């Protein structure tokens, strides 16, 4: 059984931004990488984390370059 990453960045919404879920809890709508990093900081994730790390973050509907 595969273990899901603790952070999910959902597909871009029609109004802009991407919903972010951390450990099953919706933490907000990120409109860019800066917003995402702030959510991660609040959750205790180190600042230097790679946003393309598939063991940490599951990107749905496009990767870190899609907002």
Protein backbone atom coordinates (compact mmCIF):
# COMPACT_ATOMS: atom_id res chain seq x y z
CA UNK A 1 0.00 0.00 0.00
CA UNK A 2 1.43 3.36 -1.07
CA UNK A 3 1.72 6.11 1.51
CA UNK A 4 0.34 9.46 0.39
CA UNK A 5 2.40 12.60 0.84
CA UNK A 6 1.29 14.70 3.84
CA UNK A 7 0.82 17.82 1.68
CA UNK A 8 -1.56 18.06 -1.27
CA UNK A 9 -1.69 21.04 -3.61
CA UNK A 10 -4.99 20.73 -5.44
CA UNK A 11 -5.65 21.78 -9.07
CA UNK A 12 -5.89 25.49 -9.87
CA UNK A 13 -9.35 26.91 -9.25
CA UNK A 14 -11.23 28.89 -11.89
CA UNK A 15 -10.94 32.01 -9.73
CA UNK A 16 -7.19 31.53 -9.27
CA UNK A 17 -5.06 29.89 -6.63
CA UNK A 18 -4.75 26.32 -5.41
CA UNK A 19 -6.25 24.79 -2.27
CA UNK A 20 -3.60 23.34 0.05
CA UNK A 21 -4.20 20.41 2.39
CA UNK A 22 -1.69 19.44 5.07
CA UNK A 23 -2.20 16.13 6.89
CA UNK A 24 -5.83 16.05 5.82
CA UNK A 25 -6.66 19.61 6.90
CA UNK A 26 -7.36 22.42 4.43
CA UNK A 27 -4.99 25.24 5.36
CA UNK A 28 -5.90 27.78 2.70
CA UNK A 29 -5.71 28.94 -0.88
CA UNK A 30 -2.23 29.57 -2.25
CA UNK A 31 -2.04 31.99 -5.14
CA UNK A 32 1.70 31.53 -5.63
CA UNK A 33 4.79 29.82 -4.23
CA UNK A 34 5.15 32.47 -1.53
CA UNK A 35 1.69 31.63 -0.13
CA UNK A 36 2.45 27.91 -0.24
CA UNK A 37 5.73 28.38 1.61
CA UNK A 38 3.94 30.40 4.30
CA UNK A 39 1.43 27.56 4.84
CA UNK A 40 4.33 25.11 5.04
CA UNK A 41 6.19 27.35 7.52
CA UNK A 42 3.12 27.51 9.76
CA UNK A 43 2.95 23.71 9.65
CA UNK A 44 6.58 23.42 10.76
CA UNK A 45 8.06 22.42 7.41
CA UNK A 46 11.66 23.70 6.93
CA UNK A 47 12.10 26.73 4.65
CA UNK A 48 14.54 24.94 2.36
CA UNK A 49 12.18 22.08 1.45
CA UNK A 50 12.05 21.18 -2.24
CA UNK A 51 8.57 21.82 -3.62
CA UNK A 52 9.05 19.05 -6.17
CA UNK A 53 9.70 16.36 -3.53
CA UNK A 54 7.01 13.72 -4.29
CA UNK A 55 7.39 12.15 -0.84
CA UNK A 56 6.33 15.44 0.78
CA UNK A 57 4.00 17.15 -1.71
CA UNK A 58 1.45 15.71 -4.13
CA UNK A 59 0.70 18.18 -6.92
CA UNK A 60 -2.64 17.70 -8.66
CA UNK A 61 -3.45 19.42 -11.94
CA UNK A 62 0.08 20.62 -12.65
CA UNK A 63 3.30 21.02 -10.72
CA UNK A 64 4.90 23.91 -8.85
CA UNK A 65 5.09 26.02 -11.99
CA UNK A 66 1.28 26.05 -12.46
CA UNK A 67 -0.83 28.56 -10.52
